[in-house]
Amino acid sequence: MPSTDDVTEGWRRMHGSNRVNGASGWICLDPQGNAYNKAVPVVELDPKIKNAVLVGLAWPLGHAPDATCPIGSDG
């Protein structure tokens, strides 16, 4: 089992070539370990079927991150 320090260090390297492919796209972390430009599902409630319907995905920077998972102002 990895130590807490090993997990912390691995978490900090989850960007660039160490990115993780999640269900909604790349998961890139900034140097503080926070998700960067992470996709957010947009749903609407449909009263006919009494359920949420996926409309699409949105990103804080307005577009999906590049496959290189860059961290910066241009995302």
N, C-alpha and C. Protein backbone atom coordinates (compact mmCIF):
# COMPACT_ATOMS: atom_id res chain seq x y z
N MET A 1 0.85 -1.17 0.00
CA MET A 1 0.00 0.00 0.00
C MET A 1 0.90 1.24 0.00
N PRO A 2 0.59 2.21 -0.87
CA PRO A 2 1.42 3.42 -0.91
C PRO A 2 1.24 4.26 0.35
N SER A 3 2.28 4.98 0.69
CA SER A 3 2.21 5.87 1.85
C SER A 3 1.38 7.10 1.50
N THR A 4 0.96 7.83 2.51
CA THR A 4 0.21 9.07 2.29
C THR A 4 1.03 10.05 1.46
N ASP A 5 2.33 10.12 1.74
CA ASP A 5 3.20 11.02 0.97
C ASP A 5 3.27 10.61 -0.50
N ASP A 6 3.32 9.30 -0.77
CA ASP A 6 3.34 8.83 -2.16
C ASP A 6 2.05 9.18 -2.89
N VAL A 7 0.92 9.03 -2.21
CA VAL A 7 -0.37 9.39 -2.82
C VAL A 7 -0.42 10.88 -3.09
N THR A 8 0.01 11.68 -2.13
CA THR A 8 0.02 13.14 -2.30
C THR A 8 0.89 13.54 -3.47
N GLU A 9 2.07 12.95 -3.57
CA GLU A 9 2.98 13.28 -4.66
C GLU A 9 2.41 12.85 -6.01
N GLY A 10 1.79 11.68 -6.07
CA GLY A 10 1.15 11.23 -7.31
C GLY A 10 0.02 12.13 -7.72
N TRP A 11 -0.77 12.58 -6.75
CA TRP A 11 -1.91 13.48 -7.01
C TRP A 11 -1.41 14.77 -7.65
N ARG A 12 -0.28 15.28 -7.17
CA ARG A 12 0.26 16.54 -7.69
C ARG A 12 0.78 16.42 -9.12
N ARG A 13 1.03 15.20 -9.57
CA ARG A 13 1.56 15.00 -10.93
C ARG A 13 0.47 14.71 -11.96
N MET A 14 -0.79 14.82 -11.59
CA MET A 14 -1.88 14.50 -12.52
C MET A 14 -2.15 15.65 -13.49
N HIS A 15 -1.21 15.90 -14.37
CA HIS A 15 -1.36 16.89 -15.44
C HIS A 15 -0.41 16.51 -16.55
N GLY A 16 -0.55 17.15 -17.69
CA GLY A 16 0.31 16.83 -18.83
C GLY A 16 0.19 15.36 -19.20
N SER A 17 1.30 14.69 -19.35
CA SER A 17 1.27 13.28 -19.76
C SER A 17 0.73 12.37 -18.66
N ASN A 18 0.59 12.86 -17.44
CA ASN A 18 0.04 12.08 -16.33
C ASN A 18 -1.44 12.32 -16.13
N ARG A 19 -2.11 12.96 -17.09
CA ARG A 19 -3.53 13.23 -16.97
C ARG A 19 -4.31 11.93 -16.86
N VAL A 20 -5.55 12.03 -16.41
CA VAL A 20 -6.42 10.86 -16.28
C VAL A 20 -7.63 11.08 -17.16
N ASN A 21 -7.99 10.06 -17.94
CA ASN A 21 -9.17 10.16 -18.79
C ASN A 21 -10.39 9.76 -17.97
N GLY A 22 -11.22 10.74 -17.63
CA GLY A 22 -12.44 10.50 -16.88
C GLY A 22 -13.64 10.33 -17.80
N ALA A 23 -14.79 10.08 -17.23
CA ALA A 23 -16.01 9.86 -18.01
C ALA A 23 -16.39 11.08 -18.84
N SER A 24 -16.06 12.29 -18.37
CA SER A 24 -16.44 13.50 -19.09
C SER A 24 -15.25 14.18 -19.76
N GLY A 25 -14.13 13.48 -19.84
CA GLY A 25 -12.96 14.06 -20.48
C GLY A 25 -11.74 13.99 -19.57
N TRP A 26 -10.70 14.70 -19.96
CA TRP A 26 -9.47 14.69 -19.18
C TRP A 26 -9.70 15.26 -17.79
N ILE A 27 -9.05 14.68 -16.82
CA ILE A 27 -9.02 15.24 -15.47
C ILE A 27 -7.60 15.75 -15.27
N CYS A 28 -7.46 17.06 -15.23
CA CYS A 28 -6.17 17.70 -15.04
C CYS A 28 -6.21 18.42 -13.70
N LEU A 29 -5.13 18.34 -12.96
CA LEU A 29 -5.06 19.01 -11.66
C LEU A 29 -4.03 20.12 -11.70
N ASP A 30 -4.34 21.22 -11.00
CA ASP A 30 -3.38 22.31 -10.88
C ASP A 30 -2.35 21.94 -9.81
N PRO A 31 -1.33 22.78 -9.59
CA PRO A 31 -0.30 22.45 -8.60
C PRO A 31 -0.83 22.25 -7.18
N GLN A 32 -2.00 22.79 -6.87
CA GLN A 32 -2.59 22.61 -5.55
C GLN A 32 -3.47 21.36 -5.46
N GLY A 33 -3.59 20.61 -6.56
CA GLY A 33 -4.39 19.39 -6.57
C GLY A 33 -5.86 19.60 -6.86
N ASN A 34 -6.22 20.78 -7.36
CA ASN A 34 -7.62 21.06 -7.70
C ASN A 34 -7.87 20.77 -9.18
N ALA A 35 -9.05 20.27 -9.49
CA ALA A 35 -9.41 20.02 -10.89
C ALA A 35 -9.35 21.33 -11.66
N TYR A 36 -8.77 21.29 -12.85
CA TYR A 36 -8.59 22.48 -13.68
C TYR A 36 -9.42 22.34 -14.94
N ASN A 37 -10.29 23.31 -15.20
CA ASN A 37 -11.12 23.34 -16.40
C ASN A 37 -11.90 22.03 -16.57
N LYS A 38 -12.43 21.52 -15.48
CA LYS A 38 -13.16 20.25 -15.47
C LYS A 38 -14.53 20.41 -16.08
N ALA A 39 -14.91 19.46 -16.90
CA ALA A 39 -16.23 19.47 -17.53
C ALA A 39 -17.33 19.41 -16.47
N VAL A 40 -18.39 20.16 -16.74
CA VAL A 40 -19.56 20.17 -15.86
C VAL A 40 -20.76 19.73 -16.70
N PRO A 41 -21.47 18.68 -16.27
CA PRO A 41 -22.65 18.27 -17.04
C PRO A 41 -23.77 19.30 -16.89
N VAL A 42 -24.40 19.61 -18.00
CA VAL A 42 -25.56 20.52 -18.00
C VAL A 42 -26.79 19.65 -18.22
N VAL A 43 -27.72 19.70 -17.27
CA VAL A 43 -28.93 18.89 -17.37
C VAL A 43 -30.15 19.78 -17.27
N GLU A 44 -31.26 19.27 -17.77
CA GLU A 44 -32.53 19.95 -17.57
C GLU A 44 -33.53 18.91 -17.07
N LEU A 45 -34.44 19.36 -16.26
CA LEU A 45 -35.45 18.46 -15.73
C LEU A 45 -36.60 18.35 -16.72
N ASP A 46 -36.96 17.14 -17.06
CA ASP A 46 -38.06 16.89 -17.99
C ASP A 46 -39.26 16.40 -17.19
N PRO A 47 -40.29 17.24 -17.05
CA PRO A 47 -41.45 16.84 -16.24
C PRO A 47 -42.23 15.68 -16.84
N LYS A 48 -42.12 15.47 -18.14
CA LYS A 48 -42.85 14.36 -18.77
C LYS A 48 -42.32 13.00 -18.31
N ILE A 49 -41.02 12.90 -18.23
CA ILE A 49 -40.43 11.62 -17.81
C ILE A 49 -39.99 11.65 -16.35
N LYS A 50 -40.15 12.82 -15.72
CA LYS A 50 -39.78 13.01 -14.31
C LYS A 50 -38.34 12.58 -14.05
N ASN A 51 -37.47 13.12 -14.89
CA ASN A 51 -36.06 12.77 -14.78
C ASN A 51 -35.21 13.88 -15.38
N ALA A 52 -33.93 13.85 -15.08
CA ALA A 52 -32.99 14.80 -15.67
C ALA A 52 -32.52 14.28 -17.02
N VAL A 53 -32.34 15.19 -17.96
CA VAL A 53 -31.87 14.85 -19.30
C VAL A 53 -30.56 15.61 -19.54
N LEU A 54 -29.54 14.89 -19.99
CA LEU A 54 -28.26 15.53 -20.28
C LEU A 54 -28.39 16.41 -21.51
N VAL A 55 -28.08 17.69 -21.34
CA VAL A 55 -28.10 18.64 -22.45
C VAL A 55 -26.73 18.67 -23.11
N GLY A 56 -25.68 18.61 -22.32
CA GLY A 56 -24.33 18.64 -22.84
C GLY A 56 -23.33 18.87 -21.73
N LEU A 57 -22.12 19.22 -22.14
CA LEU A 57 -21.05 19.51 -21.19
C LEU A 57 -20.60 20.95 -21.37
N ALA A 58 -20.17 21.56 -20.28
CA ALA A 58 -19.63 22.91 -20.32
C ALA A 58 -18.32 22.92 -19.53
N TRP A 59 -17.43 23.82 -19.91
CA TRP A 59 -16.14 23.94 -19.24
C TRP A 59 -15.96 25.37 -18.76
N PRO A 60 -15.31 25.57 -17.62
CA PRO A 60 -15.07 26.92 -17.12
C PRO A 60 -14.38 27.83 -18.13
N LEU A 61 -13.49 27.27 -18.95
CA LEU A 61 -12.79 28.09 -19.96
C LEU A 61 -13.52 28.12 -21.29
N GLY A 62 -14.69 27.47 -21.37
CA GLY A 62 -15.49 27.51 -22.58
C GLY A 62 -15.18 26.43 -23.60
N HIS A 63 -14.19 25.58 -23.32
CA HIS A 63 -13.82 24.50 -24.23
C HIS A 63 -13.12 23.41 -23.44
N ALA A 64 -13.12 22.22 -24.00
CA ALA A 64 -12.44 21.09 -23.35
C ALA A 64 -10.94 21.35 -23.32
N PRO A 65 -10.25 20.84 -22.30
CA PRO A 65 -8.80 21.01 -22.28
C PRO A 65 -8.15 20.23 -23.40
N ASP A 66 -7.03 20.73 -23.85
CA ASP A 66 -6.24 20.06 -24.87
C ASP A 66 -5.77 18.70 -24.33
N ALA A 67 -5.49 17.77 -25.20
CA ALA A 67 -5.06 16.43 -24.80
C ALA A 67 -3.76 16.45 -23.99
N THR A 68 -2.99 17.53 -24.10
CA THR A 68 -1.75 17.63 -23.32
C THR A 68 -2.03 18.09 -21.91
N CYS A 69 -3.28 18.46 -21.63
CA CYS A 69 -3.70 18.84 -20.28
C CYS A 69 -2.89 20.02 -19.74
N PRO A 70 -2.79 21.10 -20.52
CA PRO A 70 -1.99 22.24 -20.05
C PRO A 70 -2.67 22.94 -18.88
N ILE A 71 -1.87 23.47 -18.00
CA ILE A 71 -2.38 24.25 -16.89
C ILE A 71 -1.90 25.68 -17.10
N GLY A 72 -2.84 26.59 -17.28
CA GLY A 72 -2.48 27.98 -17.50
C GLY A 72 -3.70 28.78 -17.88
N SER A 73 -3.51 30.04 -18.17
CA SER A 73 -4.64 30.92 -18.45
C SER A 73 -5.35 30.57 -19.75
N ASP A 74 -4.65 29.88 -20.67
CA ASP A 74 -5.29 29.55 -21.95
C ASP A 74 -5.92 28.16 -21.95
N GLY A 75 -5.70 27.35 -20.89
CA GLY A 75 -6.31 26.04 -20.73
C GLY A 75 -6.10 25.14 -21.86
